[in-house]
Amino acid sequence: QEIWVGIYDAVAQDRRLGGQSGCLIG
């Protein structure tokens, strides 16, 4: 459940999360 909450929060908070070669943008 917690990883889905993390994805939900990324969208709700307009988060930008960097990886090694790309970026996840909510």
mmCIF file of all heavy atoms, coordinates in Angstrom:
data_MODEL
# 
_entry.id   MODEL 
# 
loop_
_atom_site.group_PDB 
_atom_site.id 
_atom_site.type_symbol 
_atom_site.label_atom_id 
_atom_site.label_alt_id 
_atom_site.label_comp_id 
_atom_site.label_asym_id 
_atom_site.label_entity_id 
_atom_site.label_seq_id 
_atom_site.pdbx_PDB_ins_code 
_atom_site.Cartn_x 
_atom_site.Cartn_y 
_atom_site.Cartn_z 
_atom_site.occupancy 
_atom_site.B_iso_or_equiv 
_atom_site.pdbx_formal_charge 
_atom_site.auth_seq_id 
_atom_site.auth_comp_id 
_atom_site.auth_asym_id 
_atom_site.auth_atom_id 
_atom_site.pdbx_PDB_model_num 
ATOM 1   N N   . GLN A 1 1  ? 0.813  -1.218 0.000   1.00 0.00 ? 1  GLN A N   1 
ATOM 2   C CA  . GLN A 1 1  ? 0.000  0.000  0.000   1.00 0.00 ? 1  GLN A CA  1 
ATOM 3   C C   . GLN A 1 1  ? 0.844  1.264  0.000   1.00 0.00 ? 1  GLN A C   1 
ATOM 4   O O   . GLN A 1 1  ? 0.507  2.256  -0.663  1.00 0.00 ? 1  GLN A O   1 
ATOM 5   C CB  . GLN A 1 1  ? -0.940 0.000  1.217   1.00 0.00 ? 1  GLN A CB  1 
ATOM 6   C CG  . GLN A 1 1  ? -1.739 1.287  1.382   1.00 0.00 ? 1  GLN A CG  1 
ATOM 7   C CD  . GLN A 1 1  ? -2.792 1.199  2.458   1.00 0.00 ? 1  GLN A CD  1 
ATOM 8   O OE1 . GLN A 1 1  ? -3.747 0.454  2.333   1.00 0.00 ? 1  GLN A OE1 1 
ATOM 9   N NE2 . GLN A 1 1  ? -2.619 1.956  3.535   1.00 0.00 ? 1  GLN A NE2 1 
ATOM 10  N N   . GLU A 1 2  ? 1.956  1.259  0.721   1.00 0.00 ? 2  GLU A N   1 
ATOM 11  C CA  . GLU A 1 2  ? 2.728  2.481  0.917   1.00 0.00 ? 2  GLU A CA  1 
ATOM 12  C C   . GLU A 1 2  ? 3.343  3.019  -0.374  1.00 0.00 ? 2  GLU A C   1 
ATOM 13  O O   . GLU A 1 2  ? 3.473  4.228  -0.544  1.00 0.00 ? 2  GLU A O   1 
ATOM 14  C CB  . GLU A 1 2  ? 3.817  2.252  1.966   1.00 0.00 ? 2  GLU A CB  1 
ATOM 15  C CG  . GLU A 1 2  ? 3.277  1.993  3.369   1.00 0.00 ? 2  GLU A CG  1 
ATOM 16  C CD  . GLU A 1 2  ? 2.420  3.135  3.886   1.00 0.00 ? 2  GLU A CD  1 
ATOM 17  O OE1 . GLU A 1 2  ? 2.724  4.298  3.578   1.00 0.00 ? 2  GLU A OE1 1 
ATOM 18  O OE2 . GLU A 1 2  ? 1.434  2.860  4.590   1.00 0.00 ? 2  GLU A OE2 1 
ATOM 19  N N   . ILE A 1 3  ? 3.741  2.139  -1.292  1.00 0.00 ? 3  ILE A N   1 
ATOM 20  C CA  . ILE A 1 3  ? 4.347  2.677  -2.519  1.00 0.00 ? 3  ILE A CA  1 
ATOM 21  C C   . ILE A 1 3  ? 3.309  3.384  -3.369  1.00 0.00 ? 3  ILE A C   1 
ATOM 22  O O   . ILE A 1 3  ? 3.601  4.386  -4.039  1.00 0.00 ? 3  ILE A O   1 
ATOM 23  C CB  . ILE A 1 3  ? 5.066  1.576  -3.331  1.00 0.00 ? 3  ILE A CB  1 
ATOM 24  C CG1 . ILE A 1 3  ? 5.988  2.246  -4.357  1.00 0.00 ? 3  ILE A CG1 1 
ATOM 25  C CG2 . ILE A 1 3  ? 4.061  0.628  -4.009  1.00 0.00 ? 3  ILE A CG2 1 
ATOM 26  C CD1 . ILE A 1 3  ? 6.989  1.315  -4.981  1.00 0.00 ? 3  ILE A CD1 1 
ATOM 27  N N   . TRP A 1 4  ? 2.063  2.915  -3.315  1.00 0.00 ? 4  TRP A N   1 
ATOM 28  C CA  . TRP A 1 4  ? 1.011  3.589  -4.063  1.00 0.00 ? 4  TRP A CA  1 
ATOM 29  C C   . TRP A 1 4  ? 0.683  4.935  -3.443  1.00 0.00 ? 4  TRP A C   1 
ATOM 30  O O   . TRP A 1 4  ? 0.370  5.900  -4.164  1.00 0.00 ? 4  TRP A O   1 
ATOM 31  C CB  . TRP A 1 4  ? -0.223 2.701  -4.130  1.00 0.00 ? 4  TRP A CB  1 
ATOM 32  C CG  . TRP A 1 4  ? 0.051  1.414  -4.840  1.00 0.00 ? 4  TRP A CG  1 
ATOM 33  C CD1 . TRP A 1 4  ? 0.121  0.159  -4.289  1.00 0.00 ? 4  TRP A CD1 1 
ATOM 34  C CD2 . TRP A 1 4  ? 0.339  1.236  -6.229  1.00 0.00 ? 4  TRP A CD2 1 
ATOM 35  N NE1 . TRP A 1 4  ? 0.422  -0.772 -5.234  1.00 0.00 ? 4  TRP A NE1 1 
ATOM 36  C CE2 . TRP A 1 4  ? 0.564  -0.147 -6.442  1.00 0.00 ? 4  TRP A CE2 1 
ATOM 37  C CE3 . TRP A 1 4  ? 0.430  2.113  -7.315  1.00 0.00 ? 4  TRP A CE3 1 
ATOM 38  C CZ2 . TRP A 1 4  ? 0.872  -0.658 -7.698  1.00 0.00 ? 4  TRP A CZ2 1 
ATOM 39  C CZ3 . TRP A 1 4  ? 0.731  1.596  -8.576  1.00 0.00 ? 4  TRP A CZ3 1 
ATOM 40  C CH2 . TRP A 1 4  ? 0.955  0.233  -8.749  1.00 0.00 ? 4  TRP A CH2 1 
ATOM 41  N N   . VAL A 1 5  ? 0.772  5.019  -2.130  1.00 0.00 ? 5  VAL A N   1 
ATOM 42  C CA  . VAL A 1 5  ? 0.590  6.312  -1.468  1.00 0.00 ? 5  VAL A CA  1 
ATOM 43  C C   . VAL A 1 5  ? 1.700  7.271  -1.899  1.00 0.00 ? 5  VAL A C   1 
ATOM 44  O O   . VAL A 1 5  ? 1.473  8.463  -2.108  1.00 0.00 ? 5  VAL A O   1 
ATOM 45  C CB  . VAL A 1 5  ? 0.579  6.148  0.069   1.00 0.00 ? 5  VAL A CB  1 
ATOM 46  C CG1 . VAL A 1 5  ? 0.546  7.513  0.762   1.00 0.00 ? 5  VAL A CG1 1 
ATOM 47  C CG2 . VAL A 1 5  ? -0.626 5.323  0.502   1.00 0.00 ? 5  VAL A CG2 1 
ATOM 48  N N   . GLY A 1 6  ? 2.920  6.740  -2.055  1.00 0.00 ? 6  GLY A N   1 
ATOM 49  C CA  . GLY A 1 6  ? 4.027  7.569  -2.522  1.00 0.00 ? 6  GLY A CA  1 
ATOM 50  C C   . GLY A 1 6  ? 3.790  8.115  -3.920  1.00 0.00 ? 6  GLY A C   1 
ATOM 51  O O   . GLY A 1 6  ? 4.098  9.279  -4.216  1.00 0.00 ? 6  GLY A O   1 
ATOM 52  N N   . ILE A 1 7  ? 3.232  7.293  -4.808  1.00 0.00 ? 7  ILE A N   1 
ATOM 53  C CA  . ILE A 1 7  ? 2.906  7.751  -6.157  1.00 0.00 ? 7  ILE A CA  1 
ATOM 54  C C   . ILE A 1 7  ? 1.792  8.795  -6.116  1.00 0.00 ? 7  ILE A C   1 
ATOM 55  O O   . ILE A 1 7  ? 1.849  9.829  -6.797  1.00 0.00 ? 7  ILE A O   1 
ATOM 56  C CB  . ILE A 1 7  ? 2.502  6.555  -7.045  1.00 0.00 ? 7  ILE A CB  1 
ATOM 57  C CG1 . ILE A 1 7  ? 3.719  5.634  -7.251  1.00 0.00 ? 7  ILE A CG1 1 
ATOM 58  C CG2 . ILE A 1 7  ? 1.945  7.020  -8.380  1.00 0.00 ? 7  ILE A CG2 1 
ATOM 59  C CD1 . ILE A 1 7  ? 3.389  4.341  -7.970  1.00 0.00 ? 7  ILE A CD1 1 
ATOM 60  N N   . TYR A 1 8  ? 0.775  8.533  -5.307  1.00 0.00 ? 8  TYR A N   1 
ATOM 61  C CA  . TYR A 1 8  ? -0.334 9.489  -5.126  1.00 0.00 ? 8  TYR A CA  1 
ATOM 62  C C   . TYR A 1 8  ? 0.205  10.835 -4.646  1.00 0.00 ? 8  TYR A C   1 
ATOM 63  O O   . TYR A 1 8  ? -0.151 11.893 -5.187  1.00 0.00 ? 8  TYR A O   1 
ATOM 64  C CB  . TYR A 1 8  ? -1.323 8.915  -4.121  1.00 0.00 ? 8  TYR A CB  1 
ATOM 65  C CG  . TYR A 1 8  ? -2.537 9.775  -3.843  1.00 0.00 ? 8  TYR A CG  1 
ATOM 66  C CD1 . TYR A 1 8  ? -3.740 9.516  -4.488  1.00 0.00 ? 8  TYR A CD1 1 
ATOM 67  C CD2 . TYR A 1 8  ? -2.488 10.815 -2.924  1.00 0.00 ? 8  TYR A CD2 1 
ATOM 68  C CE1 . TYR A 1 8  ? -4.861 10.295 -4.226  1.00 0.00 ? 8  TYR A CE1 1 
ATOM 69  C CE2 . TYR A 1 8  ? -3.595 11.603 -2.664  1.00 0.00 ? 8  TYR A CE2 1 
ATOM 70  C CZ  . TYR A 1 8  ? -4.781 11.337 -3.311  1.00 0.00 ? 8  TYR A CZ  1 
ATOM 71  O OH  . TYR A 1 8  ? -5.885 12.116 -3.048  1.00 0.00 ? 8  TYR A OH  1 
ATOM 72  N N   . ASP A 1 9  ? 1.078  10.816 -3.637  1.00 0.00 ? 9  ASP A N   1 
ATOM 73  C CA  . ASP A 1 9  ? 1.637  12.051 -3.098  1.00 0.00 ? 9  ASP A CA  1 
ATOM 74  C C   . ASP A 1 9  ? 2.494  12.787 -4.124  1.00 0.00 ? 9  ASP A C   1 
ATOM 75  O O   . ASP A 1 9  ? 2.537  14.027 -4.138  1.00 0.00 ? 9  ASP A O   1 
ATOM 76  C CB  . ASP A 1 9  ? 2.477  11.760 -1.849  1.00 0.00 ? 9  ASP A CB  1 
ATOM 77  C CG  . ASP A 1 9  ? 1.620  11.399 -0.637  1.00 0.00 ? 9  ASP A CG  1 
ATOM 78  O OD1 . ASP A 1 9  ? 0.395  11.639 -0.690  1.00 0.00 ? 9  ASP A OD1 1 
ATOM 79  O OD2 . ASP A 1 9  ? 2.177  10.891 0.345   1.00 0.00 ? 9  ASP A OD2 1 
ATOM 80  N N   . ALA A 1 10 ? 3.192  12.041 -4.966  1.00 0.00 ? 10 ALA A N   1 
ATOM 81  C CA  . ALA A 1 10 ? 4.013  12.672 -6.002  1.00 0.00 ? 10 ALA A CA  1 
ATOM 82  C C   . ALA A 1 10 ? 3.158  13.522 -6.934  1.00 0.00 ? 10 ALA A C   1 
ATOM 83  O O   . ALA A 1 10 ? 3.559  14.610 -7.363  1.00 0.00 ? 10 ALA A O   1 
ATOM 84  C CB  . ALA A 1 10 ? 4.777  11.608 -6.794  1.00 0.00 ? 10 ALA A CB  1 
ATOM 85  N N   . VAL A 1 11 ? 1.956  13.020 -7.240  1.00 0.00 ? 11 VAL A N   1 
ATOM 86  C CA  . VAL A 1 11 ? 1.038  13.775 -8.091  1.00 0.00 ? 11 VAL A CA  1 
ATOM 87  C C   . VAL A 1 11 ? 0.427  14.938 -7.317  1.00 0.00 ? 11 VAL A C   1 
ATOM 88  O O   . VAL A 1 11 ? 0.427  16.084 -7.779  1.00 0.00 ? 11 VAL A O   1 
ATOM 89  C CB  . VAL A 1 11 ? -0.075 12.860 -8.638  1.00 0.00 ? 11 VAL A CB  1 
ATOM 90  C CG1 . VAL A 1 11 ? -1.091 13.676 -9.428  1.00 0.00 ? 11 VAL A CG1 1 
ATOM 91  C CG2 . VAL A 1 11 ? 0.520  11.760 -9.502  1.00 0.00 ? 11 VAL A CG2 1 
ATOM 92  N N   . ALA A 1 12 ? -0.080 14.658 -6.138  1.00 0.00 ? 12 ALA A N   1 
ATOM 93  C CA  . ALA A 1 12 ? -0.776 15.683 -5.345  1.00 0.00 ? 12 ALA A CA  1 
ATOM 94  C C   . ALA A 1 12 ? 0.123  16.855 -4.996  1.00 0.00 ? 12 ALA A C   1 
ATOM 95  O O   . ALA A 1 12 ? -0.334 18.001 -4.906  1.00 0.00 ? 12 ALA A O   1 
ATOM 96  C CB  . ALA A 1 12 ? -1.339 15.055 -4.069  1.00 0.00 ? 12 ALA A CB  1 
ATOM 97  N N   . GLN A 1 13 ? 1.429  16.596 -4.814  1.00 0.00 ? 13 GLN A N   1 
ATOM 98  C CA  . GLN A 1 13 ? 2.369  17.637 -4.381  1.00 0.00 ? 13 GLN A CA  1 
ATOM 99  C C   . GLN A 1 13 ? 3.265  18.140 -5.505  1.00 0.00 ? 13 GLN A C   1 
ATOM 100 O O   . GLN A 1 13 ? 4.237  18.855 -5.263  1.00 0.00 ? 13 GLN A O   1 
ATOM 101 C CB  . GLN A 1 13 ? 3.217  17.085 -3.232  1.00 0.00 ? 13 GLN A CB  1 
ATOM 102 C CG  . GLN A 1 13 ? 2.402  16.671 -2.024  1.00 0.00 ? 13 GLN A CG  1 
ATOM 103 C CD  . GLN A 1 13 ? 3.215  15.904 -1.002  1.00 0.00 ? 13 GLN A CD  1 
ATOM 104 O OE1 . GLN A 1 13 ? 4.447  15.939 -1.002  1.00 0.00 ? 13 GLN A OE1 1 
ATOM 105 N NE2 . GLN A 1 13 ? 2.539  15.195 -0.102  1.00 0.00 ? 13 GLN A NE2 1 
ATOM 106 N N   . ASP A 1 14 ? 2.961  17.754 -6.736  1.00 0.00 ? 14 ASP A N   1 
ATOM 107 C CA  . ASP A 1 14 ? 3.768  18.193 -7.891  1.00 0.00 ? 14 ASP A CA  1 
ATOM 108 C C   . ASP A 1 14 ? 5.258  17.927 -7.664  1.00 0.00 ? 14 ASP A C   1 
ATOM 109 O O   . ASP A 1 14 ? 6.109  18.778 -7.915  1.00 0.00 ? 14 ASP A O   1 
ATOM 110 C CB  . ASP A 1 14 ? 3.556  19.682 -8.179  1.00 0.00 ? 14 ASP A CB  1 
ATOM 111 C CG  . ASP A 1 14 ? 2.169  19.982 -8.727  1.00 0.00 ? 14 ASP A CG  1 
ATOM 112 O OD1 . ASP A 1 14 ? 1.556  19.081 -9.313  1.00 0.00 ? 14 ASP A OD1 1 
ATOM 113 O OD2 . ASP A 1 14 ? 1.711  21.121 -8.552  1.00 0.00 ? 14 ASP A OD2 1 
ATOM 114 N N   . ARG A 1 15 ? 5.572  16.725 -7.227  1.00 0.00 ? 15 ARG A N   1 
ATOM 115 C CA  . ARG A 1 15 ? 6.952  16.410 -6.891  1.00 0.00 ? 15 ARG A CA  1 
ATOM 116 C C   . ARG A 1 15 ? 7.768  16.014 -8.117  1.00 0.00 ? 15 ARG A C   1 
ATOM 117 O O   . ARG A 1 15 ? 7.257  15.423 -9.062  1.00 0.00 ? 15 ARG A O   1 
ATOM 118 C CB  . ARG A 1 15 ? 7.004  15.276 -5.866  1.00 0.00 ? 15 ARG A CB  1 
ATOM 119 C CG  . ARG A 1 15 ? 6.340  15.606 -4.536  1.00 0.00 ? 15 ARG A CG  1 
ATOM 120 C CD  . ARG A 1 15 ? 6.440  14.440 -3.566  1.00 0.00 ? 15 ARG A CD  1 
ATOM 121 N NE  . ARG A 1 15 ? 7.827  14.208 -3.163  1.00 0.00 ? 15 ARG A NE  1 
ATOM 122 C CZ  . ARG A 1 15 ? 8.212  13.157 -2.428  1.00 0.00 ? 15 ARG A CZ  1 
ATOM 123 N NH1 . ARG A 1 15 ? 7.321  12.263 -2.057  1.00 0.00 ? 15 ARG A NH1 1 
ATOM 124 N NH2 . ARG A 1 15 ? 9.479  13.020 -2.101  1.00 0.00 ? 15 ARG A NH2 1 
ATOM 125 N N   . ARG A 1 16 ? 9.061  16.340 -8.079  1.00 0.00 ? 16 ARG A N   1 
ATOM 126 C CA  . ARG A 1 16 ? 10.038 15.910 -9.081  1.00 0.00 ? 16 ARG A CA  1 
ATOM 127 C C   . ARG A 1 16 ? 11.058 15.032 -8.363  1.00 0.00 ? 16 ARG A C   1 
ATOM 128 O O   . ARG A 1 16 ? 11.750 15.497 -7.456  1.00 0.00 ? 16 ARG A O   1 
ATOM 129 C CB  . ARG A 1 16 ? 10.740 17.102 -9.731  1.00 0.00 ? 16 ARG A CB  1 
ATOM 130 C CG  . ARG A 1 16 ? 9.790  18.031 -10.493 1.00 0.00 ? 16 ARG A CG  1 
ATOM 131 C CD  . ARG A 1 16 ? 10.536 19.243 -11.022 1.00 0.00 ? 16 ARG A CD  1 
ATOM 132 N NE  . ARG A 1 16 ? 11.538 18.863 -12.006 1.00 0.00 ? 16 ARG A NE  1 
ATOM 133 C CZ  . ARG A 1 16 ? 11.328 18.827 -13.317 1.00 0.00 ? 16 ARG A CZ  1 
ATOM 134 N NH1 . ARG A 1 16 ? 10.137 19.143 -13.800 1.00 0.00 ? 16 ARG A NH1 1 
ATOM 135 N NH2 . ARG A 1 16 ? 12.284 18.472 -14.152 1.00 0.00 ? 16 ARG A NH2 1 
ATOM 136 N N   . LEU A 1 17 ? 11.139 13.775 -8.766  1.00 0.00 ? 17 LEU A N   1 
ATOM 137 C CA  . LEU A 1 17 ? 11.997 12.809 -8.095  1.00 0.00 ? 17 LEU A CA  1 
ATOM 138 C C   . LEU A 1 17 ? 13.013 12.262 -9.092  1.00 0.00 ? 17 LEU A C   1 
ATOM 139 O O   . LEU A 1 17 ? 12.652 11.626 -10.080 1.00 0.00 ? 17 LEU A O   1 
ATOM 140 C CB  . LEU A 1 17 ? 11.149 11.668 -7.512  1.00 0.00 ? 17 LEU A CB  1 
ATOM 141 C CG  . LEU A 1 17 ? 10.048 12.113 -6.544  1.00 0.00 ? 17 LEU A CG  1 
ATOM 142 C CD1 . LEU A 1 17 ? 9.077  10.970 -6.278  1.00 0.00 ? 17 LEU A CD1 1 
ATOM 143 C CD2 . LEU A 1 17 ? 10.652 12.607 -5.241  1.00 0.00 ? 17 LEU A CD2 1 
ATOM 144 N N   . GLY A 1 18 ? 14.273 12.522 -8.832  1.00 0.00 ? 18 GLY A N   1 
ATOM 145 C CA  . GLY A 1 18 ? 15.316 12.131 -9.754  1.00 0.00 ? 18 GLY A CA  1 
ATOM 146 C C   . GLY A 1 18 ? 15.805 10.718 -9.536  1.00 0.00 ? 18 GLY A C   1 
ATOM 147 O O   . GLY A 1 18 ? 15.924 10.251 -8.408  1.00 0.00 ? 18 GLY A O   1 
ATOM 148 N N   . GLY A 1 19 ? 16.094 10.022 -10.645 1.00 0.00 ? 19 GLY A N   1 
ATOM 149 C CA  . GLY A 1 19 ? 16.735 8.726  -10.600 1.00 0.00 ? 19 GLY A CA  1 
ATOM 150 C C   . GLY A 1 19 ? 18.169 8.870  -11.064 1.00 0.00 ? 19 GLY A C   1 
ATOM 151 O O   . GLY A 1 19 ? 18.743 9.952  -10.997 1.00 0.00 ? 19 GLY A O   1 
ATOM 152 N N   . GLN A 1 20 ? 18.758 7.791  -11.560 1.00 0.00 ? 20 GLN A N   1 
ATOM 153 C CA  . GLN A 1 20 ? 20.123 7.874  -12.059 1.00 0.00 ? 20 GLN A CA  1 
ATOM 154 C C   . GLN A 1 20 ? 20.190 8.541  -13.429 1.00 0.00 ? 20 GLN A C   1 
ATOM 155 O O   . GLN A 1 20 ? 21.141 9.252  -13.727 1.00 0.00 ? 20 GLN A O   1 
ATOM 156 C CB  . GLN A 1 20 ? 20.737 6.471  -12.156 1.00 0.00 ? 20 GLN A CB  1 
ATOM 157 C CG  . GLN A 1 20 ? 21.218 5.912  -10.826 1.00 0.00 ? 20 GLN A CG  1 
ATOM 158 C CD  . GLN A 1 20 ? 22.113 4.707  -11.012 1.00 0.00 ? 20 GLN A CD  1 
ATOM 159 O OE1 . GLN A 1 20 ? 21.972 3.947  -11.953 1.00 0.00 ? 20 GLN A OE1 1 
ATOM 160 N NE2 . GLN A 1 20 ? 23.049 4.529  -10.095 1.00 0.00 ? 20 GLN A NE2 1 
ATOM 161 N N   . SER A 1 21 ? 19.180 8.308  -14.253 1.00 0.00 ? 21 SER A N   1 
ATOM 162 C CA  . SER A 1 21 ? 19.238 8.838  -15.611 1.00 0.00 ? 21 SER A CA  1 
ATOM 163 C C   . SER A 1 21 ? 17.977 9.580  -16.035 1.00 0.00 ? 21 SER A C   1 
ATOM 164 O O   . SER A 1 21 ? 17.945 10.177 -17.110 1.00 0.00 ? 21 SER A O   1 
ATOM 165 C CB  . SER A 1 21 ? 19.505 7.697  -16.612 1.00 0.00 ? 21 SER A CB  1 
ATOM 166 O OG  . SER A 1 21 ? 18.513 6.682  -16.497 1.00 0.00 ? 21 SER A OG  1 
ATOM 167 N N   . GLY A 1 22 ? 16.946 9.555  -15.220 1.00 0.00 ? 22 GLY A N   1 
ATOM 168 C CA  . GLY A 1 22 ? 15.694 10.219 -15.568 1.00 0.00 ? 22 GLY A CA  1 
ATOM 169 C C   . GLY A 1 22 ? 15.042 10.830 -14.347 1.00 0.00 ? 22 GLY A C   1 
ATOM 170 O O   . GLY A 1 22 ? 15.597 10.806 -13.239 1.00 0.00 ? 22 GLY A O   1 
ATOM 171 N N   . CYS A 1 23 ? 13.853 11.364 -14.544 1.00 0.00 ? 23 CYS A N   1 
ATOM 172 C CA  . CYS A 1 23 ? 13.151 12.059 -13.463 1.00 0.00 ? 23 CYS A CA  1 
ATOM 173 C C   . CYS A 1 23 ? 11.668 11.710 -13.507 1.00 0.00 ? 23 CYS A C   1 
ATOM 174 O O   . CYS A 1 23 ? 11.052 11.695 -14.582 1.00 0.00 ? 23 CYS A O   1 
ATOM 175 C CB  . CYS A 1 23 ? 13.343 13.561 -13.618 1.00 0.00 ? 23 CYS A CB  1 
ATOM 176 S SG  . CYS A 1 23 ? 12.644 14.551 -12.279 1.00 0.00 ? 23 CYS A SG  1 
ATOM 177 N N   . LEU A 1 24 ? 11.105 11.405 -12.349 1.00 0.00 ? 24 LEU A N   1 
ATOM 178 C CA  . LEU A 1 24 ? 9.674  11.157 -12.217 1.00 0.00 ? 24 LEU A CA  1 
ATOM 179 C C   . LEU A 1 24 ? 9.013  12.483 -11.844 1.00 0.00 ? 24 LEU A C   1 
ATOM 180 O O   . LEU A 1 24 ? 9.402  13.119 -10.864 1.00 0.00 ? 24 LEU A O   1 
ATOM 181 C CB  . LEU A 1 24 ? 9.423  10.109 -11.134 1.00 0.00 ? 24 LEU A CB  1 
ATOM 182 C CG  . LEU A 1 24 ? 8.064  9.414  -11.140 1.00 0.00 ? 24 LEU A CG  1 
ATOM 183 C CD1 . LEU A 1 24 ? 7.964  8.476  -12.335 1.00 0.00 ? 24 LEU A CD1 1 
ATOM 184 C CD2 . LEU A 1 24 ? 7.877  8.632  -9.848  1.00 0.00 ? 24 LEU A CD2 1 
ATOM 185 N N   . ILE A 1 25 ? 8.028  12.902 -12.638 1.00 0.00 ? 25 ILE A N   1 
ATOM 186 C CA  . ILE A 1 25 ? 7.414  14.219 -12.442 1.00 0.00 ? 25 ILE A CA  1 
ATOM 187 C C   . ILE A 1 25 ? 5.925  14.055 -12.187 1.00 0.00 ? 25 ILE A C   1 
ATOM 188 O O   . ILE A 1 25 ? 5.189  13.534 -13.040 1.00 0.00 ? 25 ILE A O   1 
ATOM 189 C CB  . ILE A 1 25 ? 7.635  15.118 -13.672 1.00 0.00 ? 25 ILE A CB  1 
ATOM 190 C CG1 . ILE A 1 25 ? 9.136  15.264 -13.967 1.00 0.00 ? 25 ILE A CG1 1 
ATOM 191 C CG2 . ILE A 1 25 ? 6.989  16.488 -13.458 1.00 0.00 ? 25 ILE A CG2 1 
ATOM 192 C CD1 . ILE A 1 25 ? 9.425  15.968 -15.273 1.00 0.00 ? 25 ILE A CD1 1 
ATOM 193 N N   . GLY A 1 26 ? 5.479  14.485 -11.026 1.00 0.00 ? 26 GLY A N   1 
ATOM 194 C CA  . GLY A 1 26 ? 4.061  14.475 -10.710 1.00 0.00 ? 26 GLY A CA  1 
ATOM 195 C C   . GLY A 1 26 ? 3.437  15.820 -11.034 1.00 0.00 ? 26 GLY A C   1 
ATOM 196 O O   . GLY A 1 26 ? 4.058  16.862 -10.826 1.00 0.00 ? 26 GLY A O   1 
# 
